[in-house]
Amino acid sequence: MSVKNCCRYLVLVFIFVNGTPALHANLSLPDIFSDGMVLQQKAEITFWGWAKPGENVSLTLPWLDSALAVKATDQGTWSIPVTTPPAFGKFDIRIRGYNEITLRDVLLGEVWLCAGQSNMEWTARMGIDNAESFVANANYPEIRFFRIHHRTAATPQDDLGGNWLSCNPETMQNFSAVGYFFAEKIYKEMKVPVGLIDASWGGTPVEIWMNAKVIESSEKLAQAAATLKPVPWGPVKPGKAYNAMIAPLTRYRIAGAIWYQGESNVGNAYAYKDMFSAMITSWREERGYTFPFYFAQIAPYNKYGEGFGGAMVRDAQRRTLSLPQTGMVVTSDIGNLDDIHPRNKKDVGNRLAMLALTGHYQVSKAEASGPLYQKMEVRKDQVTIYFDHAGGLNAKEGKPLLFEIAGEDGVFYPAEAVINGPTVILSSKNVKSPKHARFAWSNAAEPNLFNGAGLPASCFTSEDL
């Protein structure tokens, strides 16, 4: 054996005998655990990752006197539960095994998941109202963005692509505009860091964002999902985005979720309430807690085609409010009938933030919802409509418009509408014995009914759909 080969052999023997970290290095983390991340404050969170079976893993955190330790399973996985304190500033985290990982510039704060289709994905760079001014002023080092790469998978995954970035004019203009305005308002009101995780994909139906098993367990949902036709811009099959973009986040603690989606479901709107409710419920069950879920109602649009698909999706979203800890932003006054992507994203984000500030955080007593249909009562030939969130009910520029009533035959006629306190009284000379009422029931309806907070009323129908 040559001297060179002999030396190489002795080095290999030394490494094998001494078990150096270079040979055994295997400790790793999901991408969501990285420099600049935000962890949910005042919560039970979990760190997890991979290592060699039996490898000792320790986690050092600045608010604990000693490191937390665990041994990797025979499957090469590990997890460590942690209770987090209130936000207190930037810090580093050290995870040790055969190798060592240091996560730097970490913050504690409020973590929110932003999800949906193009109106959630829409960025300032793509075009929003007053973009130049908003971008120039987007300097918030304690607001952090994690944008998930578009990916699909046939089964639920353990990791996803992405990285945490601090909010500045460059990063803000490439992130969800609705998400940014939501975070900005939360940050200013709460005075704590905010972390946003963006899982959105333009043109996608709700079916791809939930576990396919949930859809398969319901004949109605399975039949509705089967009506979706392939499109060139993204997946339509159940679970495809969920598996790659939602499932890997299941153990990452969030304060709540905001959602803007529905435009791609006008074709099977009859099932949207059940589908959307099933998605929210399944996400909560998988996480093990009922986190707040706030969503934007899709805006009126005149190119949805024939029928009432747009109105049906909006009403299905309203009916989804029967789930606990949900809230809905009505956008009928800030949309664009000729553009499915309205450019006023600030009001959408601010209204979603107000739902969180009043409902989840309870730091504001301001009205955060527009008027919502509660019930109807029939007295002879008149119908009285009762609303929730109807303080200061008013009609801009005259009488309330777009109300209709129908008798036993189900034929709807325009109704005369009169505001009476928090109610609206309806009548029509064509309907002597009313049975049903509806409001703003068309794809492009822009109602003029508002509450005292200046928030518009949601469309509705009293019919069972």
Protein backbone atom coordinates (compact mmCIF):
# COMPACT_ATOMS: atom_id res chain seq x y z
CA MET A 1 0.00 0.00 0.00
CA SER A 2 1.39 3.43 -0.95
CA VAL A 3 2.05 6.05 1.71
CA LYS A 4 -0.79 8.21 0.28
CA ASN A 5 -3.33 5.38 0.40
CA CYS A 6 -2.11 4.32 3.84
CA CYS A 7 -2.73 7.82 5.20
CA ARG A 8 -6.19 7.93 3.63
CA TYR A 9 -7.01 4.55 5.22
CA LEU A 10 -5.87 5.73 8.67
CA VAL A 11 -8.02 8.88 8.40
CA LEU A 12 -11.10 6.84 7.51
CA VAL A 13 -10.46 4.47 10.42
CA PHE A 14 -10.09 7.45 12.79
CA ILE A 15 -13.39 8.96 11.59
CA PHE A 16 -15.19 5.63 11.92
CA VAL A 17 -13.88 4.93 15.42
CA ASN A 18 -14.35 8.43 16.82
CA GLY A 19 -17.73 9.10 15.19
CA THR A 20 -17.06 12.71 14.23
CA PRO A 21 -19.99 15.08 13.70
CA ALA A 22 -19.05 15.42 10.03
CA LEU A 23 -19.84 11.77 9.46
CA HIS A 24 -23.01 11.63 11.51
CA ALA A 25 -24.49 15.09 10.82
CA ASN A 26 -28.17 14.50 10.15
CA LEU A 27 -30.11 16.90 12.38
CA SER A 28 -32.42 19.01 10.24
CA LEU A 29 -35.59 21.11 10.41
CA PRO A 30 -38.53 21.92 8.13
CA ASP A 31 -38.08 25.12 6.09
CA ILE A 32 -40.68 26.92 8.23
CA PHE A 33 -38.08 26.87 11.05
CA SER A 34 -35.48 29.27 9.72
CA ASP A 35 -33.78 32.59 10.36
CA GLY A 36 -36.20 35.48 10.80
CA MET A 37 -39.20 33.36 11.71
CA VAL A 38 -42.04 34.36 14.01
CA LEU A 39 -43.28 31.93 16.66
CA GLN A 40 -46.72 32.26 18.22
CA GLN A 41 -46.45 34.00 21.57
CA LYS A 42 -48.18 32.79 24.76
CA ALA A 43 -48.97 29.38 23.31
CA GLU A 44 -48.13 25.70 23.30
CA ILE A 45 -45.97 25.23 20.21
CA THR A 46 -43.91 22.35 18.84
CA PHE A 47 -40.43 22.13 17.34
CA TRP A 48 -39.87 19.10 15.15
CA GLY A 49 -37.51 17.72 12.57
CA TRP A 50 -35.33 14.81 11.57
CA ALA A 51 -32.21 13.13 12.96
CA LYS A 52 -30.55 9.74 13.04
CA PRO A 53 -32.53 7.12 14.99
CA GLY A 54 -31.55 7.38 18.62
CA GLU A 55 -29.73 10.70 18.18
CA ASN A 56 -29.94 12.96 21.22
CA VAL A 57 -31.45 16.32 20.29
CA SER A 58 -31.42 19.39 22.55
CA LEU A 59 -33.22 22.71 22.17
CA THR A 60 -31.90 25.85 23.84
CA LEU A 61 -34.30 28.79 24.23
CA PRO A 62 -33.56 32.15 25.90
CA TRP A 63 -36.57 32.04 28.23
CA LEU A 64 -35.69 28.64 29.70
CA ASP A 65 -32.99 28.02 32.29
CA SER A 66 -31.95 24.72 30.74
CA ALA A 67 -32.09 23.01 27.38
CA LEU A 68 -34.95 20.69 26.45
CA ALA A 69 -33.87 17.24 25.24
CA VAL A 70 -35.36 14.33 23.34
CA LYS A 71 -34.10 11.23 21.54
CA ALA A 72 -34.94 10.73 17.87
CA THR A 73 -37.33 7.86 17.14
CA ASP A 74 -36.44 4.75 15.21
CA GLN A 75 -38.03 6.51 12.20
CA GLY A 76 -35.51 9.34 12.42
CA THR A 77 -37.97 11.97 13.65
CA TRP A 78 -38.12 14.10 16.80
CA SER A 79 -40.41 16.71 18.33
CA ILE A 80 -40.23 18.93 21.40
CA PRO A 81 -43.25 20.79 22.86
CA VAL A 82 -42.61 24.27 24.22
CA THR A 83 -44.63 26.94 26.01
CA THR A 84 -43.82 30.40 24.71
CA PRO A 85 -43.87 33.64 26.76
CA PRO A 86 -45.14 37.05 25.58
CA ALA A 87 -43.13 38.77 22.86
CA PHE A 88 -39.90 40.32 24.17
CA GLY A 89 -37.60 41.08 21.21
CA LYS A 90 -35.21 39.28 18.87
CA PHE A 91 -33.32 36.16 19.92
CA ASP A 92 -31.47 33.08 18.66
CA ILE A 93 -32.40 29.41 19.06
CA ARG A 94 -29.88 26.56 19.15
CA ILE A 95 -30.71 22.94 18.27
CA ARG A 96 -28.00 20.38 18.86
CA GLY A 97 -27.55 16.77 17.82
CA TYR A 98 -24.48 15.32 16.14
CA ASN A 99 -24.46 18.67 14.36
CA GLU A 100 -25.76 22.05 15.48
CA ILE A 101 -28.28 24.47 13.96
CA THR A 102 -28.65 28.07 15.08
CA LEU A 103 -31.77 30.01 14.11
CA ARG A 104 -31.12 33.75 14.25
CA ASP A 105 -33.27 36.87 14.43
CA VAL A 106 -36.31 34.97 15.73
CA LEU A 107 -39.37 36.80 17.09
CA LEU A 108 -42.37 35.92 19.22
CA GLY A 109 -45.66 37.45 18.08
CA GLU A 110 -48.91 36.75 16.28
CA VAL A 111 -48.76 34.22 13.43
CA TRP A 112 -51.50 34.16 10.79
CA LEU A 113 -52.03 31.89 7.80
CA CYS A 114 -53.20 33.67 4.62
CA ALA A 115 -54.77 31.35 2.05
CA GLY A 116 -57.00 31.27 -0.99
CA GLN A 117 -56.79 32.11 -4.66
CA SER A 118 -55.70 35.12 -6.71
CA ASN A 119 -57.28 37.91 -4.67
CA MET A 120 -55.28 36.71 -1.66
CA GLU A 121 -52.18 36.10 -3.75
CA TRP A 122 -52.43 39.53 -5.45
CA THR A 123 -49.43 41.76 -4.73
CA ALA A 124 -48.68 45.47 -4.89
CA ARG A 125 -46.35 44.77 -7.80
CA MET A 126 -49.28 43.27 -9.70
CA GLY A 127 -51.21 46.50 -9.19
CA ILE A 128 -53.19 47.92 -6.27
CA ASP A 129 -54.66 51.33 -5.50
CA ASN A 130 -52.02 53.82 -4.28
CA ALA A 131 -49.31 51.20 -4.67
CA GLU A 132 -46.39 53.64 -4.85
CA SER A 133 -47.21 55.25 -1.52
CA PHE A 134 -47.96 51.99 0.30
CA VAL A 135 -44.79 50.32 -0.97
CA ALA A 136 -42.57 53.27 -0.01
CA ASN A 137 -43.87 53.22 3.56
CA ALA A 138 -43.71 49.46 4.10
CA ASN A 139 -40.83 49.48 6.59
CA TYR A 140 -41.77 47.13 9.41
CA PRO A 141 -38.85 44.91 10.51
CA GLU A 142 -41.14 43.13 13.01
CA ILE A 143 -43.60 42.06 10.32
CA ARG A 144 -42.28 38.89 8.68
CA PHE A 145 -43.41 37.09 5.50
CA PHE A 146 -43.20 33.41 4.59
CA ARG A 147 -44.46 32.77 1.07
CA ILE A 148 -45.05 29.11 0.27
CA HIS A 149 -43.99 27.93 -3.17
CA HIS A 150 -46.70 26.59 -5.46
CA ARG A 151 -46.51 22.83 -5.16
CA THR A 152 -48.80 19.82 -5.41
CA ALA A 153 -48.52 16.31 -4.01
CA ALA A 154 -50.51 13.11 -4.09
CA THR A 155 -50.17 12.58 -0.32
CA PRO A 156 -49.65 14.88 2.69
CA GLN A 157 -46.03 16.06 2.90
CA ASP A 158 -43.72 16.79 5.84
CA ASP A 159 -41.98 19.89 4.47
CA LEU A 160 -42.52 22.75 2.04
CA GLY A 161 -40.51 25.39 0.25
CA GLY A 162 -40.15 28.99 1.40
CA ASN A 163 -38.21 31.33 3.66
CA TRP A 164 -38.91 34.13 6.15
CA LEU A 165 -38.33 37.73 5.07
CA SER A 166 -38.64 41.01 6.96
CA CYS A 167 -41.16 43.51 5.65
CA ASN A 168 -39.60 46.29 3.60
CA PRO A 169 -40.57 48.02 0.34
CA GLU A 170 -39.00 45.26 -1.75
CA THR A 171 -40.48 42.26 0.06
CA MET A 172 -43.87 43.87 0.66
CA GLN A 173 -44.56 44.43 -3.03
CA ASN A 174 -44.04 40.74 -3.76
CA PHE A 175 -46.27 39.46 -0.95
CA SER A 176 -50.04 39.22 -0.55
CA ALA A 177 -51.36 42.80 -0.41
CA VAL A 178 -54.41 41.77 1.60
CA GLY A 179 -52.12 39.92 4.01
CA TYR A 180 -49.80 42.91 4.32
CA PHE A 181 -52.58 45.39 5.16
CA PHE A 182 -54.02 42.90 7.65
CA ALA A 183 -50.63 42.55 9.36
CA GLU A 184 -49.93 46.29 9.33
CA LYS A 185 -53.15 47.04 11.21
CA ILE A 186 -52.66 44.20 13.69
CA TYR A 187 -49.08 45.34 14.30
CA LYS A 188 -50.05 48.96 14.89
CA GLU A 189 -52.91 48.06 17.23
CA MET A 190 -51.30 45.19 19.14
CA LYS A 191 -47.70 46.50 19.25
CA VAL A 192 -46.29 42.99 18.77
CA PRO A 193 -44.51 41.28 15.85
CA VAL A 194 -46.68 39.67 13.19
CA GLY A 195 -45.77 36.66 11.07
CA LEU A 196 -47.70 35.91 7.89
CA ILE A 197 -47.59 32.58 6.07
CA ASP A 198 -49.00 32.89 2.55
CA ALA A 199 -50.45 29.73 1.00
CA SER A 200 -52.39 31.05 -1.99
CA TRP A 201 -52.68 30.10 -5.64
CA GLY A 202 -54.61 32.01 -8.27
CA GLY A 203 -57.53 30.33 -10.00
CA THR A 204 -57.85 27.44 -7.57
CA PRO A 205 -61.09 25.97 -6.19
CA VAL A 206 -61.64 25.27 -2.50
CA GLU A 207 -61.46 21.52 -3.13
CA ILE A 208 -57.68 21.50 -3.60
CA TRP A 209 -57.10 23.16 -0.21
CA MET A 210 -58.56 20.39 1.95
CA ASN A 211 -57.72 16.78 2.66
CA ALA A 212 -59.18 14.66 -0.14
CA LYS A 213 -60.41 12.14 2.43
CA VAL A 214 -62.87 14.72 3.76
CA ILE A 215 -64.39 15.11 0.30
CA GLU A 216 -64.40 11.37 -0.36
CA SER A 217 -66.38 10.79 2.83
CA SER A 218 -69.34 12.84 1.53
CA GLU A 219 -71.31 11.87 -1.59
CA LYS A 220 -72.44 15.49 -2.11
CA LEU A 221 -68.92 16.87 -1.86
CA ALA A 222 -67.45 14.14 -4.05
CA GLN A 223 -70.03 14.77 -6.77
CA ALA A 224 -69.43 18.52 -6.64
CA ALA A 225 -65.66 18.06 -6.87
CA ALA A 226 -66.11 15.78 -9.88
CA THR A 227 -67.70 18.64 -11.84
CA LEU A 228 -64.47 20.66 -11.87
CA LYS A 229 -62.76 20.71 -15.26
CA PRO A 230 -58.96 20.82 -15.69
CA VAL A 231 -57.47 24.29 -16.22
CA PRO A 232 -53.97 25.27 -17.42
CA TRP A 233 -53.08 27.54 -14.48
CA GLY A 234 -53.36 25.18 -11.52
CA PRO A 235 -54.73 22.01 -9.92
CA VAL A 236 -58.43 21.20 -9.47
CA LYS A 237 -58.25 17.72 -7.96
CA PRO A 238 -59.09 17.46 -4.23
CA GLY A 239 -56.19 17.71 -1.82
CA LYS A 240 -53.45 18.59 -4.30
CA ALA A 241 -52.42 21.93 -2.78
CA TYR A 242 -53.42 20.86 0.73
CA ASN A 243 -50.95 17.97 0.64
CA ALA A 244 -48.00 20.14 -0.35
CA MET A 245 -48.84 23.60 1.05
CA ILE A 246 -51.11 23.14 4.10
CA ALA A 247 -50.42 19.70 5.61
CA PRO A 248 -46.72 20.46 6.32
CA LEU A 249 -47.84 23.40 8.49
CA THR A 250 -50.25 21.47 10.68
CA ARG A 251 -47.92 21.45 13.69
CA TYR A 252 -46.78 25.07 13.29
CA ARG A 253 -48.85 27.07 15.76
CA ILE A 254 -50.91 29.92 14.33
CA ALA A 255 -53.14 32.52 15.93
CA GLY A 256 -55.67 32.14 13.11
CA ALA A 257 -56.31 32.20 9.37
CA ILE A 258 -57.57 34.71 6.81
CA TRP A 259 -59.05 33.51 3.53
CA TYR A 260 -60.02 35.04 0.17
CA GLN A 261 -61.36 32.52 -2.33
CA GLY A 262 -64.56 31.43 -4.04
CA GLU A 263 -64.43 32.87 -7.53
CA SER A 264 -63.37 29.48 -8.94
CA ASN A 265 -66.36 27.75 -7.36
CA VAL A 266 -69.21 29.65 -9.01
CA GLY A 267 -69.71 26.62 -11.26
CA ASN A 268 -70.55 24.31 -8.33
CA ALA A 269 -71.77 26.98 -5.91
CA TYR A 270 -74.60 24.76 -4.66
CA ALA A 271 -72.04 22.78 -2.64
CA TYR A 272 -69.80 25.64 -1.53
CA LYS A 273 -71.26 26.09 1.95
CA ASP A 274 -70.76 22.41 2.77
CA MET A 275 -67.35 22.29 1.11
CA PHE A 276 -66.04 25.47 2.73
CA SER A 277 -67.38 24.51 6.15
CA ALA A 278 -65.82 21.06 5.85
CA MET A 279 -62.45 22.61 4.99
CA ILE A 280 -62.48 24.96 7.99
CA THR A 281 -63.61 22.19 10.33
CA SER A 282 -60.99 19.74 9.08
CA TRP A 283 -58.16 22.27 9.38
CA ARG A 284 -59.17 22.91 12.98
CA GLU A 285 -59.51 19.22 13.83
CA GLU A 286 -56.07 18.49 12.38
CA ARG A 287 -54.53 21.23 14.50
CA GLY A 288 -56.47 20.28 17.62
CA TYR A 289 -57.89 23.70 18.42
CA THR A 290 -60.59 26.07 17.11
CA PHE A 291 -58.53 28.94 15.77
CA PRO A 292 -60.32 32.03 14.39
CA PHE A 293 -61.03 31.93 10.67
CA TYR A 294 -61.91 35.18 8.88
CA PHE A 295 -62.70 35.45 5.20
CA ALA A 296 -63.53 37.93 2.46
CA GLN A 297 -66.78 37.47 0.58
CA ILE A 298 -66.18 37.50 -3.17
CA ALA A 299 -67.04 40.80 -4.86
CA PRO A 300 -69.78 41.38 -7.45
CA TYR A 301 -68.59 40.65 -11.00
CA ASN A 302 -70.48 40.86 -14.27
CA LYS A 303 -68.67 38.10 -16.16
CA TYR A 304 -69.64 35.05 -14.14
CA GLY A 305 -72.10 34.11 -16.88
CA GLU A 306 -75.73 33.15 -16.63
CA GLY A 307 -77.40 32.06 -13.43
CA PHE A 308 -76.67 33.09 -9.86
CA GLY A 309 -73.34 31.34 -9.19
CA GLY A 310 -71.65 34.45 -7.81
CA ALA A 311 -74.57 35.30 -5.52
CA MET A 312 -74.82 31.68 -4.40
CA VAL A 313 -71.13 31.59 -3.40
CA ARG A 314 -71.54 34.86 -1.49
CA ASP A 315 -74.59 33.52 0.33
CA ALA A 316 -72.81 30.23 1.03
CA GLN A 317 -69.98 32.22 2.61
CA ARG A 318 -72.52 34.09 4.74
CA ARG A 319 -74.06 30.80 5.88
CA THR A 320 -70.61 29.49 6.82
CA LEU A 321 -70.69 32.02 9.66
CA SER A 322 -72.71 29.41 11.58
CA LEU A 323 -69.32 27.91 12.48
CA PRO A 324 -67.83 29.26 15.72
CA GLN A 325 -65.09 31.91 15.64
CA THR A 326 -65.63 32.89 12.03
CA GLY A 327 -66.10 36.32 10.52
CA MET A 328 -66.78 37.67 7.03
CA VAL A 329 -65.83 40.86 5.23
CA VAL A 330 -68.34 42.05 2.62
CA THR A 331 -66.63 43.66 -0.39
CA SER A 332 -69.59 44.73 -2.55
CA ASP A 333 -68.72 48.42 -2.09
CA ILE A 334 -65.02 48.07 -2.93
CA GLY A 335 -65.14 45.73 -5.91
CA ASN A 336 -64.96 46.25 -9.65
CA LEU A 337 -67.72 44.82 -11.84
CA ASP A 338 -65.35 44.55 -14.81
CA ASP A 339 -62.33 43.15 -12.97
CA ILE A 340 -62.35 39.96 -10.92
CA HIS A 341 -59.29 41.37 -9.13
CA PRO A 342 -60.43 44.62 -7.46
CA ARG A 343 -57.42 46.82 -6.72
CA ASN A 344 -58.58 48.15 -3.35
CA LYS A 345 -56.77 45.63 -1.17
CA LYS A 346 -56.20 47.96 1.78
CA ASP A 347 -59.85 48.05 2.84
CA VAL A 348 -60.11 44.27 2.54
CA GLY A 349 -57.04 43.75 4.74
CA ASN A 350 -58.16 46.38 7.24
CA ARG A 351 -61.65 44.92 7.52
CA LEU A 352 -60.23 41.45 8.11
CA ALA A 353 -57.95 42.92 10.77
CA MET A 354 -60.92 44.58 12.48
CA LEU A 355 -62.62 41.18 12.73
CA ALA A 356 -59.53 39.87 14.52
CA LEU A 357 -59.16 42.93 16.76
CA THR A 358 -62.80 42.83 17.87
CA GLY A 359 -63.39 39.08 17.89
CA HIS A 360 -60.16 37.24 18.65
CA TYR A 361 -58.08 39.86 20.44
CA GLN A 362 -60.99 41.84 21.88
CA VAL A 363 -58.99 45.07 21.95
CA SER A 364 -61.60 47.03 19.99
CA LYS A 365 -65.33 47.49 20.42
CA ALA A 366 -65.85 48.95 16.95
CA GLU A 367 -68.39 47.36 14.63
CA ALA A 368 -66.46 45.04 12.32
CA SER A 369 -69.24 43.40 10.29
CA GLY A 370 -71.79 44.65 7.84
CA PRO A 371 -75.50 43.82 8.35
CA LEU A 372 -76.18 40.07 8.17
CA TYR A 373 -79.56 38.46 7.55
CA GLN A 374 -80.95 36.94 10.74
CA LYS A 375 -84.58 36.00 10.03
CA MET A 376 -87.80 37.11 8.36
CA GLU A 377 -91.35 37.45 9.67
CA VAL A 378 -94.50 37.61 7.54
CA ARG A 379 -97.46 39.74 8.59
CA LYS A 380 -100.25 39.59 6.00
CA ASP A 381 -98.70 40.98 2.80
CA GLN A 382 -95.56 42.40 4.43
CA VAL A 383 -92.20 40.86 5.27
CA THR A 384 -89.96 42.14 8.04
CA ILE A 385 -86.27 41.37 7.64
CA TYR A 386 -84.17 41.27 10.81
CA PHE A 387 -80.42 41.80 10.67
CA ASP A 388 -77.48 41.32 12.98
CA HIS A 389 -74.91 44.15 13.06
CA ALA A 390 -77.61 46.59 11.97
CA GLY A 391 -76.97 49.58 14.24
CA GLY A 392 -77.52 52.77 12.27
CA LEU A 393 -79.00 50.89 9.29
CA ASN A 394 -79.22 53.22 6.30
CA ALA A 395 -79.55 53.30 2.54
CA LYS A 396 -77.13 55.43 0.60
CA GLU A 397 -78.75 57.75 -1.93
CA GLY A 398 -82.39 57.04 -1.14
CA LYS A 399 -84.39 53.89 -0.48
CA PRO A 400 -82.92 50.41 0.02
CA LEU A 401 -82.68 48.68 -3.36
CA LEU A 402 -82.39 45.11 -4.63
CA PHE A 403 -84.91 43.47 -2.26
CA GLU A 404 -87.30 40.89 -3.70
CA ILE A 405 -90.10 38.74 -2.32
CA ALA A 406 -91.91 35.66 -3.63
CA GLY A 407 -95.09 33.79 -2.84
CA GLU A 408 -95.86 30.08 -2.88
CA ASP A 409 -95.11 29.92 -6.62
CA GLY A 410 -91.45 30.91 -6.01
CA VAL A 411 -91.56 33.79 -8.50
CA PHE A 412 -89.66 36.78 -7.13
CA TYR A 413 -90.74 40.38 -7.67
CA PRO A 414 -88.97 43.63 -6.78
CA ALA A 415 -90.09 44.82 -3.35
CA GLU A 416 -90.63 48.24 -1.88
CA ALA A 417 -88.28 48.48 1.08
CA VAL A 418 -88.55 50.74 4.12
CA ILE A 419 -85.98 50.88 6.91
CA ASN A 420 -87.48 50.61 10.38
CA GLY A 421 -84.70 50.82 12.96
CA PRO A 422 -82.56 47.67 12.59
CA THR A 423 -85.11 46.03 10.27
CA VAL A 424 -86.34 46.44 6.70
CA ILE A 425 -90.04 46.06 5.84
CA LEU A 426 -90.83 44.70 2.37
CA SER A 427 -93.97 44.60 0.25
CA SER A 428 -94.99 44.14 -3.38
CA LYS A 429 -98.34 44.55 -5.08
CA ASN A 430 -97.56 41.36 -6.99
CA VAL A 431 -97.18 39.20 -3.87
CA LYS A 432 -100.18 38.98 -1.56
CA SER A 433 -98.91 36.09 0.58
CA PRO A 434 -95.11 36.29 0.84
CA LYS A 435 -93.12 33.19 1.60
CA HIS A 436 -89.52 34.06 0.69
CA ALA A 437 -87.30 37.12 0.47
CA ARG A 438 -83.91 37.77 -1.03
CA PHE A 439 -81.50 40.67 -1.34
CA ALA A 440 -78.86 41.63 -3.91
CA TRP A 441 -79.47 38.33 -5.62
CA SER A 442 -77.43 38.61 -8.81
CA ASN A 443 -73.81 38.07 -9.72
CA ALA A 444 -73.17 41.78 -10.18
CA ALA A 445 -75.38 43.28 -7.45
CA GLU A 446 -73.95 46.33 -5.66
CA PRO A 447 -76.38 46.96 -2.78
CA ASN A 448 -76.80 50.35 -1.13
CA LEU A 449 -77.70 49.10 2.37
CA PHE A 450 -75.12 49.86 5.10
CA ASN A 451 -74.86 50.05 8.87
CA GLY A 452 -73.68 53.01 10.90
CA ALA A 453 -70.05 51.84 10.64
CA GLY A 454 -70.23 52.27 6.86
CA LEU A 455 -70.08 48.53 6.19
CA PRO A 456 -72.31 47.02 3.48
CA ALA A 457 -74.97 44.38 4.00
CA SER A 458 -74.43 40.89 2.65
CA CYS A 459 -76.68 39.43 0.01
CA PHE A 460 -79.01 36.66 1.18
CA THR A 461 -81.92 34.47 0.28
CA SER A 462 -84.34 32.96 2.78
CA GLU A 463 -84.71 29.88 0.60
CA ASP A 464 -83.02 26.62 1.49
CA LEU A 465 -80.33 26.08 -1.12
